[in-house]
C-alpha atoms as a PDB file:
ATOM      1  CA  MET A   1       0.000   0.000   0.000  1.00  0.00           C
ATOM      2  CA  ASP A   2       1.499   3.338  -1.002  1.00  0.00           C
ATOM      3  CA  ALA A   3       1.395   6.312   1.350  1.00  0.00           C
ATOM      4  CA  ILE A   4      -1.355   8.149  -0.516  1.00  0.00           C
ATOM      5  CA  THR A   5      -3.682   5.145  -0.671  1.00  0.00           C
ATOM      6  CA  GLY A   6      -3.321   4.634   3.047  1.00  0.00           C
ATOM      7  CA  LEU A   7      -3.954   8.259   3.831  1.00  0.00           C
ATOM      8  CA  LEU A   8      -6.955   8.601   1.540  1.00  0.00           C
ATOM      9  CA  GLU A   9      -8.386   5.378   2.909  1.00  0.00           C
ATOM     10  CA  GLY A  10      -8.311   6.809   6.402  1.00  0.00           C
ATOM     11  CA  PRO A  11     -11.296   9.193   6.297  1.00  0.00           C
ATOM     12  CA  ARG A  12     -13.964   6.465   6.168  1.00  0.00           C
ATOM     13  CA  ALA A  13     -17.523   7.314   7.114  1.00  0.00           C
ATOM     14  CA  ARG A  14     -19.377   5.197   9.676  1.00  0.00           C
ATOM     15  CA  GLY A  15     -22.940   6.358  10.109  1.00  0.00           C
ATOM     16  CA  ALA A  16     -22.183   9.844   8.788  1.00  0.00           C
ATOM     17  CA  PHE A  17     -24.770  12.582   9.297  1.00  0.00           C
ATOM     18  CA  LEU A  18     -26.154  13.314   5.803  1.00  0.00           C
ATOM     19  CA  LEU A  19     -28.847  15.860   5.111  1.00  0.00           C
ATOM     20  CA  LYS A  20     -30.547  17.656   2.235  1.00  0.00           C
ATOM     21  CA  SER A  21     -31.376  21.236   3.242  1.00  0.00           C
ATOM     22  CA  VAL A  22     -33.749  23.588   1.418  1.00  0.00           C
ATOM     23  CA  PHE A  23     -33.566  27.358   2.009  1.00  0.00           C
ATOM     24  CA  ASN A  24     -35.424  30.333   0.582  1.00  0.00           C
ATOM     25  CA  PRO A  25     -33.515  33.659   0.510  1.00  0.00           C
ATOM     26  CA  PRO A  26     -32.372  35.348   2.566  1.00  0.00           C
ATOM     27  CA  TRP A  27     -30.808  32.536   4.584  1.00  0.00           C
ATOM     28  CA  ALA A  28     -27.690  31.931   6.668  1.00  0.00           C
ATOM     29  CA  LEU A  29     -26.791  28.811   8.623  1.00  0.00           C
ATOM     30  CA  ARG A  30     -23.969  28.744  11.187  1.00  0.00           C
ATOM     31  CA  ILE A  31     -22.413  25.315  11.809  1.00  0.00           C
ATOM     32  CA  GLU A  32     -20.895  24.787  15.260  1.00  0.00           C
ATOM     33  CA  ASP A  33     -20.994  20.976  15.361  1.00  0.00           C
ATOM     34  CA  ARG A  34     -17.196  20.644  15.877  1.00  0.00           C
ATOM     35  CA  ALA A  35     -17.110  17.823  13.324  1.00  0.00           C
ATOM     36  CA  PRO A  36     -13.574  16.887  12.180  1.00  0.00           C
ATOM     37  CA  ILE A  37     -14.541  17.020   8.517  1.00  0.00           C
ATOM     38  CA  SER A  38     -17.656  17.944   6.533  1.00  0.00           C
ATOM     39  CA  VAL A  39     -18.620  17.902   2.863  1.00  0.00           C
ATOM     40  CA  VAL A  40     -20.968  20.541   1.425  1.00  0.00           C
ATOM     41  CA  THR A  41     -22.316  20.789  -2.134  1.00  0.00           C
ATOM     42  CA  MET A  42     -25.032  22.800  -3.831  1.00  0.00           C
ATOM     43  CA  VAL A  43     -27.575  20.955  -5.980  1.00  0.00           C
ATOM     44  CA  HIS A  44     -29.501  24.112  -6.855  1.00  0.00           C
ATOM     45  CA  GLY A  45     -28.691  27.754  -6.250  1.00  0.00           C
ATOM     46  CA  GLU A  46     -25.470  29.333  -5.039  1.00  0.00           C
ATOM     47  CA  ALA A  47     -24.028  29.874  -1.580  1.00  0.00           C
ATOM     48  CA  TRP A  48     -21.120  31.427   0.260  1.00  0.00           C
ATOM     49  CA  VAL A  49     -19.114  29.384   2.746  1.00  0.00           C
ATOM     50  CA  ARG A  50     -17.621  31.648   5.393  1.00  0.00           C
ATOM     51  CA  PRO A  51     -15.079  29.951   7.710  1.00  0.00           C
ATOM     52  CA  ASP A  52     -14.344  31.828  10.926  1.00  0.00           C
ATOM     53  CA  ARG A  53     -10.588  31.801  10.286  1.00  0.00           C
ATOM     54  CA  ALA A  54     -10.326  31.931   6.506  1.00  0.00           C
ATOM     55  CA  GLU A  55     -11.537  33.840   3.488  1.00  0.00           C
ATOM     56  CA  PRO A  56     -15.077  33.078   2.234  1.00  0.00           C
ATOM     57  CA  VAL A  57     -15.490  30.898  -0.834  1.00  0.00           C
ATOM     58  CA  ARG A  58     -18.356  30.775  -3.318  1.00  0.00           C
ATOM     59  CA  LEU A  59     -20.191  27.544  -4.101  1.00  0.00           C
ATOM     60  CA  ARG A  60     -22.033  27.122  -7.385  1.00  0.00           C
ATOM     61  CA  PRO A  61     -24.158  24.074  -8.320  1.00  0.00           C
ATOM     62  CA  GLY A  62     -21.888  21.036  -8.582  1.00  0.00           C
ATOM     63  CA  ASP A  63     -19.012  22.572  -6.598  1.00  0.00           C
ATOM     64  CA  VAL A  64     -17.963  20.559  -3.557  1.00  0.00           C
ATOM     65  CA  ALA A  65     -16.445  22.089  -0.413  1.00  0.00           C
ATOM     66  CA  VAL A  66     -14.564  20.066   2.192  1.00  0.00           C
ATOM     67  CA  MET A  67     -14.582  21.864   5.539  1.00  0.00           C
ATOM     68  CA  ARG A  68     -11.881  21.000   8.051  1.00  0.00           C
ATOM     69  CA  GLY A  69     -13.117  21.169  11.630  1.00  0.00           C
ATOM     70  CA  PRO A  70     -13.550  21.766  14.388  1.00  0.00           C
ATOM     71  CA  ASP A  71     -13.776  25.501  13.682  1.00  0.00           C
ATOM     72  CA  PRO A  72     -17.281  26.894  12.959  1.00  0.00           C
ATOM     73  CA  TYR A  73     -18.362  28.248   9.588  1.00  0.00           C
ATOM     74  CA  VAL A  74     -21.392  29.915   8.004  1.00  0.00           C
ATOM     75  CA  VAL A  75     -23.190  28.915   4.806  1.00  0.00           C
ATOM     76  CA  SER A  76     -25.388  31.679   3.377  1.00  0.00           C
ATOM     77  CA  ASP A  77     -27.005  33.001   0.232  1.00  0.00           C
ATOM     78  CA  ALA A  78     -24.965  36.232   0.381  1.00  0.00           C
ATOM     79  CA  LEU A  79     -21.887  37.503   2.181  1.00  0.00           C
ATOM     80  CA  ASP A  80     -23.828  40.059   4.210  1.00  0.00           C
ATOM     81  CA  THR A  81     -26.756  37.869   5.276  1.00  0.00           C
ATOM     82  CA  ALA A  82     -27.025  37.700   9.058  1.00  0.00           C
ATOM     83  CA  VAL A  83     -27.040  34.271  10.711  1.00  0.00           C
ATOM     84  CA  GLN A  84     -30.581  33.026  11.272  1.00  0.00           C
ATOM     85  CA  ILE A  85     -29.968  29.408  12.315  1.00  0.00           C
ATOM     86  CA  THR A  86     -27.149  27.899  14.376  1.00  0.00           C
ATOM     87  CA  VAL A  87     -26.524  24.159  14.468  1.00  0.00           C
ATOM     88  CA  GLY A  88     -24.768  23.009  17.639  1.00  0.00           C
ATOM     89  CA  PRO A  89     -22.655  19.946  18.472  1.00  0.00           C
ATOM     90  CA  ASP A  90     -25.769  17.795  18.968  1.00  0.00           C
ATOM     91  CA  GLN A  91     -27.121  18.850  15.525  1.00  0.00           C
ATOM     92  CA  ARG A  92     -29.909  20.866  17.154  1.00  0.00           C
ATOM     93  CA  CYS A  93     -30.919  24.313  15.897  1.00  0.00           C
ATOM     94  CA  ASN A  94     -31.543  27.472  17.916  1.00  0.00           C
ATOM     95  CA  THR A  95     -34.220  28.757  15.559  1.00  0.00           C
ATOM     96  CA  PRO A  96     -37.721  29.766  16.688  1.00  0.00           C
ATOM     97  CA  ALA A  97     -39.313  28.387  13.527  1.00  0.00           C
ATOM     98  CA  GLY A  98     -38.939  25.255  11.440  1.00  0.00           C
ATOM     99  CA  GLU A  99     -38.178  21.656  12.278  1.00  0.00           C
ATOM    100  CA  ASP A 100     -35.163  20.610  14.303  1.00  0.00           C
ATOM    101  CA  VAL A 101     -32.535  18.694  12.338  1.00  0.00           C
ATOM    102  CA  THR A 102     -32.475  15.883  14.893  1.00  0.00           C
ATOM    103  CA  GLU A 103     -36.254  15.592  14.863  1.00  0.00           C
ATOM    104  CA  THR A 104     -36.193  15.298  11.078  1.00  0.00           C
ATOM    105  CA  MET A 105     -33.581  12.520  11.211  1.00  0.00           C
ATOM    106  CA  ALA A 106     -35.444  10.724  13.994  1.00  0.00           C
ATOM    107  CA  LEU A 107     -38.469  10.529  11.726  1.00  0.00           C
ATOM    108  CA  GLY A 108     -36.355   8.779   9.095  1.00  0.00           C
ATOM    109  CA  MET A 109     -36.243  11.774   6.757  1.00  0.00           C
ATOM    110  CA  ARG A 110     -33.157  13.433   5.322  1.00  0.00           C
ATOM    111  CA  THR A 111     -34.701  16.631   3.931  1.00  0.00           C
ATOM    112  CA  TRP A 112     -34.929  19.621   6.240  1.00  0.00           C
ATOM    113  CA  GLY A 113     -35.634  23.347   5.971  1.00  0.00           C
ATOM    114  CA  ASP A 114     -38.055  25.446   3.954  1.00  0.00           C
ATOM    115  CA  ALA A 115     -40.649  24.381   1.409  1.00  0.00           C
ATOM    116  CA  LEU A 116     -39.107  23.938  -2.023  1.00  0.00           C
ATOM    117  CA  GLY A 117     -39.784  26.897  -4.287  1.00  0.00           C
ATOM    118  CA  GLU A 118     -38.585  28.297  -7.590  1.00  0.00           C
ATOM    119  CA  GLY A 119     -35.788  30.341  -6.008  1.00  0.00           C
ATOM    120  CA  SER A 120     -34.832  27.827  -3.331  1.00  0.00           C
ATOM    121  CA  ALA A 121     -31.253  26.806  -2.654  1.00  0.00           C
ATOM    122  CA  VAL A 122     -30.781  23.053  -2.195  1.00  0.00           C
ATOM    123  CA  MET A 123     -27.716  21.926  -0.300  1.00  0.00           C
ATOM    124  CA  LEU A 124     -26.388  18.436   0.460  1.00  0.00           C
ATOM    125  CA  SER A 125     -24.122  18.063   3.468  1.00  0.00           C
ATOM    126  CA  GLY A 126     -22.319  15.133   5.054  1.00  0.00           C
ATOM    127  CA  THR A 127     -20.606  15.238   8.429  1.00  0.00           C
ATOM    128  CA  TYR A 128     -18.005  12.720   9.576  1.00  0.00           C
ATOM    129  CA  ARG A 129     -18.160  11.646  13.191  1.00  0.00           C
ATOM    130  CA  ALA A 130     -14.424  10.926  13.487  1.00  0.00           C
ATOM    131  CA  PRO A 131     -11.626  10.105  11.033  1.00  0.00           C
ATOM    132  CA  SER A 132      -9.027   7.450  11.685  1.00  0.00           C
ATOM    133  CA  GLU A 133      -5.570   8.418  12.873  1.00  0.00           C
ATOM    134  CA  ILE A 134      -4.230   7.776   9.363  1.00  0.00           C
ATOM    135  CA  GLY A 135      -6.897  10.027   7.933  1.00  0.00           C
ATOM    136  CA  ARG A 136      -6.190  12.657  10.590  1.00  0.00           C
ATOM    137  CA  ARG A 137      -2.577  12.830   9.356  1.00  0.00           C
ATOM    138  CA  LEU A 138      -3.879  14.003   5.985  1.00  0.00           C
ATOM    139  CA  LEU A 139      -6.802  16.106   7.189  1.00  0.00           C
ATOM    140  CA  SER A 140      -4.625  18.085   9.609  1.00  0.00           C
ATOM    141  CA  THR A 141      -2.734  19.522   6.626  1.00  0.00           C
ATOM    142  CA  LEU A 142      -5.848  20.862   4.878  1.00  0.00           C
ATOM    143  CA  PRO A 143      -6.817  24.528   4.804  1.00  0.00           C
ATOM    144  CA  ALA A 144     -10.107  25.522   6.432  1.00  0.00           C
ATOM    145  CA  ALA A 145     -11.979  24.962   3.157  1.00  0.00           C
ATOM    146  CA  VAL A 146     -11.067  23.082  -0.015  1.00  0.00           C
ATOM    147  CA  VAL A 147     -13.356  23.564  -3.025  1.00  0.00           C
ATOM    148  CA  ARG A 148     -13.356  21.419  -6.143  1.00  0.00           C
ATOM    149  CA  PRO A 149     -15.302  22.991  -9.017  1.00  0.00           C
ATOM    150  CA  ALA A 150     -18.144  21.262 -10.821  1.00  0.00           C
ATOM    151  CA  GLY A 151     -17.210  19.078 -13.757  1.00  0.00           C
ATOM    152  CA  GLU A 152     -14.094  17.570 -12.151  1.00  0.00           C
ATOM    153  CA  GLY A 153     -15.532  14.174 -11.329  1.00  0.00           C
ATOM    154  CA  ASN A 154     -18.084  15.378  -8.784  1.00  0.00           C
ATOM    155  CA  ASP A 155     -21.285  15.471 -10.852  1.00  0.00           C
ATOM    156  CA  PRO A 156     -22.086  11.720 -11.065  1.00  0.00           C
ATOM    157  CA  LEU A 157     -21.327  11.273  -7.373  1.00  0.00           C
ATOM    158  CA  ILE A 158     -23.533  14.190  -6.336  1.00  0.00           C
ATOM    159  CA  GLY A 159     -26.383  12.790  -8.429  1.00  0.00           C
ATOM    160  CA  LEU A 160     -26.039   9.342  -6.898  1.00  0.00           C
ATOM    161  CA  LEU A 161     -25.855  10.789  -3.394  1.00  0.00           C
ATOM    162  CA  ALA A 162     -28.999  12.882  -3.922  1.00  0.00           C
ATOM    163  CA  GLU A 163     -30.899   9.902  -5.336  1.00  0.00           C
ATOM    164  CA  GLU A 164     -29.881   7.602  -2.496  1.00  0.00           C
ATOM    165  CA  MET A 165     -30.818  10.161   0.164  1.00  0.00           C
ATOM    166  CA  ALA A 166     -34.372  10.177  -1.222  1.00  0.00           C
ATOM    167  CA  ARG A 167     -34.723   6.409  -0.744  1.00  0.00           C
ATOM    168  CA  ASP A 168     -35.557   4.299   2.275  1.00  0.00           C
ATOM    169  CA  GLU A 169     -34.126   0.862   1.559  1.00  0.00           C
ATOM    170  CA  PRO A 170     -32.082  -1.771   3.415  1.00  0.00           C
ATOM    171  CA  GLY A 171     -28.391  -0.958   3.572  1.00  0.00           C
ATOM    172  CA  GLN A 172     -28.994   2.715   2.813  1.00  0.00           C
ATOM    173  CA  GLU A 173     -26.656   3.995   5.538  1.00  0.00           C
ATOM    174  CA  LEU A 174     -23.753   1.944   4.200  1.00  0.00           C
ATOM    175  CA  VAL A 175     -24.363   3.117   0.619  1.00  0.00           C
ATOM    176  CA  LEU A 176     -24.542   6.753   1.743  1.00  0.00           C
ATOM    177  CA  ASP A 177     -21.326   6.413   3.732  1.00  0.00           C
ATOM    178  CA  ARG A 178     -19.436   5.009   0.759  1.00  0.00           C
ATOM    179  CA  LEU A 179     -20.784   7.645  -1.643  1.00  0.00           C
ATOM    180  CA  LEU A 180     -19.738  10.362   0.796  1.00  0.00           C
ATOM    181  CA  ASP A 181     -16.281   8.766   1.015  1.00  0.00           C
ATOM    182  CA  LEU A 182     -15.924   8.794  -2.766  1.00  0.00           C
ATOM    183  CA  LEU A 183     -16.919  12.456  -2.933  1.00  0.00           C
ATOM    184  CA  LEU A 184     -14.430  13.366  -0.212  1.00  0.00           C
ATOM    185  CA  VAL A 185     -11.569  11.372  -1.749  1.00  0.00           C
ATOM    186  CA  ASN A 186     -12.239  12.961  -5.145  1.00  0.00           C
ATOM    187  CA  VAL A 187     -11.856  16.444  -3.632  1.00  0.00           C
ATOM    188  CA  LEU A 188      -8.761  15.510  -1.608  1.00  0.00           C
ATOM    189  CA  ARG A 189      -7.079  13.840  -4.546  1.00  0.00           C
ATOM    190  CA  GLY A 190      -7.648  16.925  -6.692  1.00  0.00           C
ATOM    191  CA  TRP A 191      -6.261  19.159  -3.940  1.00  0.00           C
ATOM    192  CA  LEU A 192      -3.139  17.025  -3.550  1.00  0.00           C
ATOM    193  CA  ALA A 193      -2.510  17.041  -7.304  1.00  0.00           C
ATOM    194  CA  ASP A 194      -2.733  20.843  -7.567  1.00  0.00           C
ATOM    195  CA  PRO A 195       0.855  22.195  -7.574  1.00  0.00           C
ATOM    196  CA  ASP A 196      -0.315  25.459  -5.972  1.00  0.00           C
ATOM    197  CA  SER A 197      -2.406  23.895  -3.217  1.00  0.00           C
ATOM    198  CA  GLY A 198       0.302  23.811  -0.573  1.00  0.00           C
ATOM    199  CA  ALA A 199       0.102  20.016  -0.259  1.00  0.00           C
ATOM    200  CA  PRO A 200       2.312  18.579   2.512  1.00  0.00           C
ATOM    201  CA  ALA A 201       5.932  17.608   1.946  1.00  0.00           C
ATOM    202  CA  TRP A 202       5.289  13.879   2.297  1.00  0.00           C
ATOM    203  CA  TYR A 203       2.952  14.023  -0.703  1.00  0.00           C
ATOM    204  CA  ARG A 204       5.443  15.824  -2.932  1.00  0.00           C
ATOM    205  CA  ALA A 205       8.045  13.282  -1.844  1.00  0.00           C
ATOM    206  CA  GLN A 206       6.153  10.488  -3.634  1.00  0.00           C
ATOM    207  CA  SER A 207       7.590  11.580  -6.978  1.00  0.00           C
ATOM    208  CA  ASP A 208      11.168  11.953  -5.753  1.00  0.00           C
ATOM    209  CA  PRO A 209      13.424   9.240  -7.310  1.00  0.00           C
ATOM    210  CA  VAL A 210      15.122   8.550  -3.976  1.00  0.00           C
ATOM    211  CA  VAL A 211      12.567   9.392  -1.294  1.00  0.00           C
ATOM    212  CA  GLY A 212       9.543   7.984  -3.142  1.00  0.00           C
ATOM    213  CA  PRO A 213      10.829   4.364  -3.195  1.00  0.00           C
ATOM    214  CA  ALA A 214      11.972   4.710   0.423  1.00  0.00           C
ATOM    215  CA  LEU A 215       8.512   5.816   1.540  1.00  0.00           C
ATOM    216  CA  ARG A 216       6.897   2.909  -0.288  1.00  0.00           C
ATOM    217  CA  LEU A 217       9.187   0.477   1.527  1.00  0.00           C
ATOM    218  CA  LEU A 218       8.212   1.921   4.914  1.00  0.00           C
ATOM    219  CA  HIS A 219       4.503   1.930   4.135  1.00  0.00           C
ATOM    220  CA  ASP A 220       4.468  -1.537   2.585  1.00  0.00           C
ATOM    221  CA  ASN A 221       6.199  -3.152   5.574  1.00  0.00           C
ATOM    222  CA  PRO A 222       6.301  -0.883   8.643  1.00  0.00           C
ATOM    223  CA  ALA A 223       6.958  -3.833  10.983  1.00  0.00           C
ATOM    224  CA  HIS A 224      10.288  -4.660   9.328  1.00  0.00           C
ATOM    225  CA  SER A 225      13.396  -3.825  11.358  1.00  0.00           C
ATOM    226  CA  TRP A 226      14.442  -1.034   9.048  1.00  0.00           C
ATOM    227  CA  THR A 227      17.633   0.964   9.382  1.00  0.00           C
ATOM    228  CA  VAL A 228      18.765   3.891   7.273  1.00  0.00           C
ATOM    229  CA  GLU A 229      21.414   1.616   5.789  1.00  0.00           C
ATOM    230  CA  SER A 230      18.970  -1.146   4.850  1.00  0.00           C
ATOM    231  CA  ILE A 231      16.565   1.343   3.256  1.00  0.00           C
ATOM    232  CA  ALA A 232      19.418   2.950   1.325  1.00  0.00           C
ATOM    233  CA  ARG A 233      20.582  -0.438   0.084  1.00  0.00           C
ATOM    234  CA  LYS A 234      17.090  -1.241  -1.208  1.00  0.00           C
ATOM    235  CA  VAL A 235      16.779   2.127  -2.913  1.00  0.00           C
ATOM    236  CA  GLY A 236      20.272   1.920  -4.395  1.00  0.00           C
ATOM    237  CA  VAL A 237      21.933   4.943  -2.815  1.00  0.00           C
ATOM    238  CA  SER A 238      24.397   5.509  -0.004  1.00  0.00           C
ATOM    239  CA  ARG A 239      23.275   5.818   3.602  1.00  0.00           C
ATOM    240  CA  ALA A 240      24.386   9.440   3.776  1.00  0.00           C
ATOM    241  CA  GLN A 241      22.673  10.306   0.518  1.00  0.00           C
ATOM    242  CA  LEU A 242      19.351   8.791   1.633  1.00  0.00           C
ATOM    243  CA  ALA A 243      19.438  10.475   5.050  1.00  0.00           C
ATOM    244  CA  ARG A 244      20.268  13.855   3.544  1.00  0.00           C
ATOM    245  CA  ARG A 245      17.721  13.659   0.730  1.00  0.00           C
ATOM    246  CA  PHE A 246      14.902  12.233   2.879  1.00  0.00           C
ATOM    247  CA  THR A 247      15.304  14.945   5.514  1.00  0.00           C
ATOM    248  CA  ALA A 248      15.451  17.697   2.907  1.00  0.00           C
ATOM    249  CA  VAL A 249      12.320  16.538   1.057  1.00  0.00           C
ATOM    250  CA  VAL A 250      10.108  15.212   3.871  1.00  0.00           C
ATOM    251  CA  GLY A 251      11.280  17.518   6.639  1.00  0.00           C
ATOM    252  CA  GLU A 252      12.418  14.825   9.067  1.00  0.00           C
ATOM    253  CA  PRO A 253      14.892  11.888   9.062  1.00  0.00           C
ATOM    254  CA  PRO A 254      13.764   8.440   7.830  1.00  0.00           C
ATOM    255  CA  MET A 255      13.687   6.836  11.280  1.00  0.00           C
ATOM    256  CA  ALA A 256      11.688   9.706  12.783  1.00  0.00           C
ATOM    257  CA  TYR A 257       9.169   9.401   9.957  1.00  0.00           C
ATOM    258  CA  LEU A 258       8.945   5.636  10.459  1.00  0.00           C
ATOM    259  CA  ALA A 259       8.445   5.986  14.211  1.00  0.00           C
ATOM    260  CA  ASP A 260       5.595   8.447  13.700  1.00  0.00           C
ATOM    261  CA  TRP A 261       4.002   6.257  11.023  1.00  0.00           C
ATOM    262  CA  ARG A 262       4.173   3.184  13.288  1.00  0.00           C
ATOM    263  CA  LEU A 263       2.448   5.026  16.127  1.00  0.00           C
ATOM    264  CA  THR A 264      -0.200   6.324  13.736  1.00  0.00           C
ATOM    265  CA  LEU A 265      -0.924   2.772  12.601  1.00  0.00           C
ATOM    266  CA  ALA A 266      -0.908   1.601  16.223  1.00  0.00           C
ATOM    267  CA  ALA A 267      -3.479   4.250  17.182  1.00  0.00           C
ATOM    268  CA  ASP A 268      -5.875   2.964  14.533  1.00  0.00           C
ATOM    269  CA  LEU A 269      -5.338  -0.659  15.503  1.00  0.00           C
ATOM    270  CA  LEU A 270      -5.987   0.173  19.156  1.00  0.00           C
ATOM    271  CA  ARG A 271      -9.484   1.295  18.187  1.00  0.00           C
ATOM    272  CA  GLU A 272     -10.303  -2.314  17.314  1.00  0.00           C
ATOM    273  CA  PRO A 273     -11.756  -4.001  20.426  1.00  0.00           C
ATOM    274  CA  ASP A 274     -10.279  -7.441  19.745  1.00  0.00           C
ATOM    275  CA  THR A 275      -6.628  -6.387  19.523  1.00  0.00           C
ATOM    276  CA  THR A 276      -4.231  -6.460  22.451  1.00  0.00           C
ATOM    277  CA  VAL A 277      -1.335  -4.051  22.919  1.00  0.00           C
ATOM    278  CA  ALA A 278       1.075  -6.933  22.296  1.00  0.00           C
ATOM    279  CA  MET A 279      -0.667  -7.800  19.022  1.00  0.00           C
ATOM    280  CA  VAL A 280      -0.542  -4.195  17.878  1.00  0.00           C
ATOM    281  CA  ALA A 281       3.134  -3.944  18.820  1.00  0.00           C
ATOM    282  CA  ARG A 282       4.031  -6.901  16.612  1.00  0.00           C
ATOM    283  CA  GLN A 283       2.028  -5.547  13.680  1.00  0.00           C
ATOM    284  CA  VAL A 284       3.717  -2.148  13.680  1.00  0.00           C
ATOM    285  CA  GLY A 285       7.293  -3.178  14.425  1.00  0.00           C
ATOM    286  CA  TYR A 286       7.804  -3.054  18.199  1.00  0.00           C
ATOM    287  CA  SER A 287       9.411  -5.987  20.007  1.00  0.00           C
ATOM    288  CA  ASN A 288       6.708  -6.176  22.678  1.00  0.00           C
ATOM    289  CA  GLY A 289       3.804  -4.340  24.233  1.00  0.00           C
ATOM    290  CA  PHE A 290       5.996  -2.581  26.777  1.00  0.00           C
ATOM    291  CA  ALA A 291       8.145  -1.026  24.054  1.00  0.00           C
ATOM    292  CA  LEU A 292       5.054   0.200  22.220  1.00  0.00           C
ATOM    293  CA  SER A 293       3.492   1.546  25.406  1.00  0.00           C
ATOM    294  CA  SER A 294       6.630   3.512  26.273  1.00  0.00           C
ATOM    295  CA  ALA A 295       6.891   5.058  22.807  1.00  0.00           C
ATOM    296  CA  PHE A 296       3.154   5.753  22.613  1.00  0.00           C
ATOM    297  CA  LYS A 297       3.029   7.550  25.950  1.00  0.00           C
ATOM    298  CA  ARG A 298       6.226   9.490  25.259  1.00  0.00           C
ATOM    299  CA  VAL A 299       4.860  10.868  21.964  1.00  0.00           C
ATOM    300  CA  ARG A 300       1.116  11.106  22.628  1.00  0.00           C
ATOM    301  CA  GLY A 301       1.086  11.774  26.350  1.00  0.00           C
ATOM    302  CA  LEU A 302      -1.119   8.827  27.290  1.00  0.00           C
ATOM    303  CA  SER A 303      -0.800   5.057  27.368  1.00  0.00           C
ATOM    304  CA  PRO A 304      -2.341   2.758  24.741  1.00  0.00           C
ATOM    305  CA  GLN A 305      -4.943   1.691  27.318  1.00  0.00           C
ATOM    306  CA  GLU A 306      -5.868   5.300  28.058  1.00  0.00           C
ATOM    307  CA  TYR A 307      -6.042   6.073  24.337  1.00  0.00           C
ATOM    308  CA  ARG A 308      -8.287   3.055  23.764  1.00  0.00           C
ATOM    309  CA  ALA A 309     -10.629   4.186  26.528  1.00  0.00           C
ATOM    310  CA  GLN A 310     -10.868   7.646  24.963  1.00  0.00           C
ATOM    311  CA  ALA A 311     -11.446   6.147  21.508  1.00  0.00           C
ATOM    312  CA  ALA A 312     -14.366   4.145  22.883  1.00  0.00           C
ATOM    313  CA  THR A 313     -16.034   7.382  24.011  1.00  0.00           C
ATOM    314  CA  GLY A 314     -15.192   9.254  20.826  1.00  0.00           C
ATOM    315  CA  THR A 315     -12.763  11.717  22.443  1.00  0.00           C
ATOM    316  CA  ALA A 316      -9.449  10.281  21.198  1.00  0.00           C
ATOM    317  CA  GLY A 317      -7.455  12.780  19.196  1.00  0.00           C
ATOM    318  CA  SER A 318      -9.979  15.563  19.719  1.00  0.00           C
END
């Protein structure tokens, strides 16, 4: 598995909160749900997305915005429209009129807001509950909002998502989760490929003739007892050349990168209830559970057991 596949595989929806919202102008919705990642797209009408800590971006029909949490943001029909509805962490609204989002979902419906009219704006939104640690490594590098314009692979996915949200069939939640994943990955992949996007150093390193093969070795077999010399031998360069080039391109030495990657993998494996610390240690390259526990607590500030307990309550990594 190459580094990019692993990282893009990380943000995987599990029971994501998906909703079709209908608004008649003027309208402005403030999102304060503290979700780690959200996807917003307009099916009809235009909107402005206004992050608290970034410049506003315009959404036209078919554009898809990926919002990196947990910072709040506003979606509105115009830049100067005052906020009328605020959605809190429990997906409840502080509006005196209209149905509550949670009440709508409890009734098995996914459409919320005003009555559909000729000038209505129709918005689809999907909110992730929590990404994996691997996914968090990628998502933490994103700007507050990433927008991919219509016509760049989004249109068929948006159509499928809208159609599926209107159904009530067995397995619907799973289908919606996977469609949301595809939409998110399509936006992230486009952002990573844009040379002006400010993509992280480890992504640009994939195309380096020396560092790229070294990264693939580490990601394909993180449990191997790698040394700088053994990696260099596999890549076909000297030890000094690999260490110098890897640090210059990635921003940290090979062994530091490997240690961080192992702990990232360990954090995801610890979320699985049937794995022991000793099992995780063997899978990610530590000699025993004690060695993993020491490294995990030194870097993350809590033991694997404490991390697992937090993960079970949904607070790990928050």
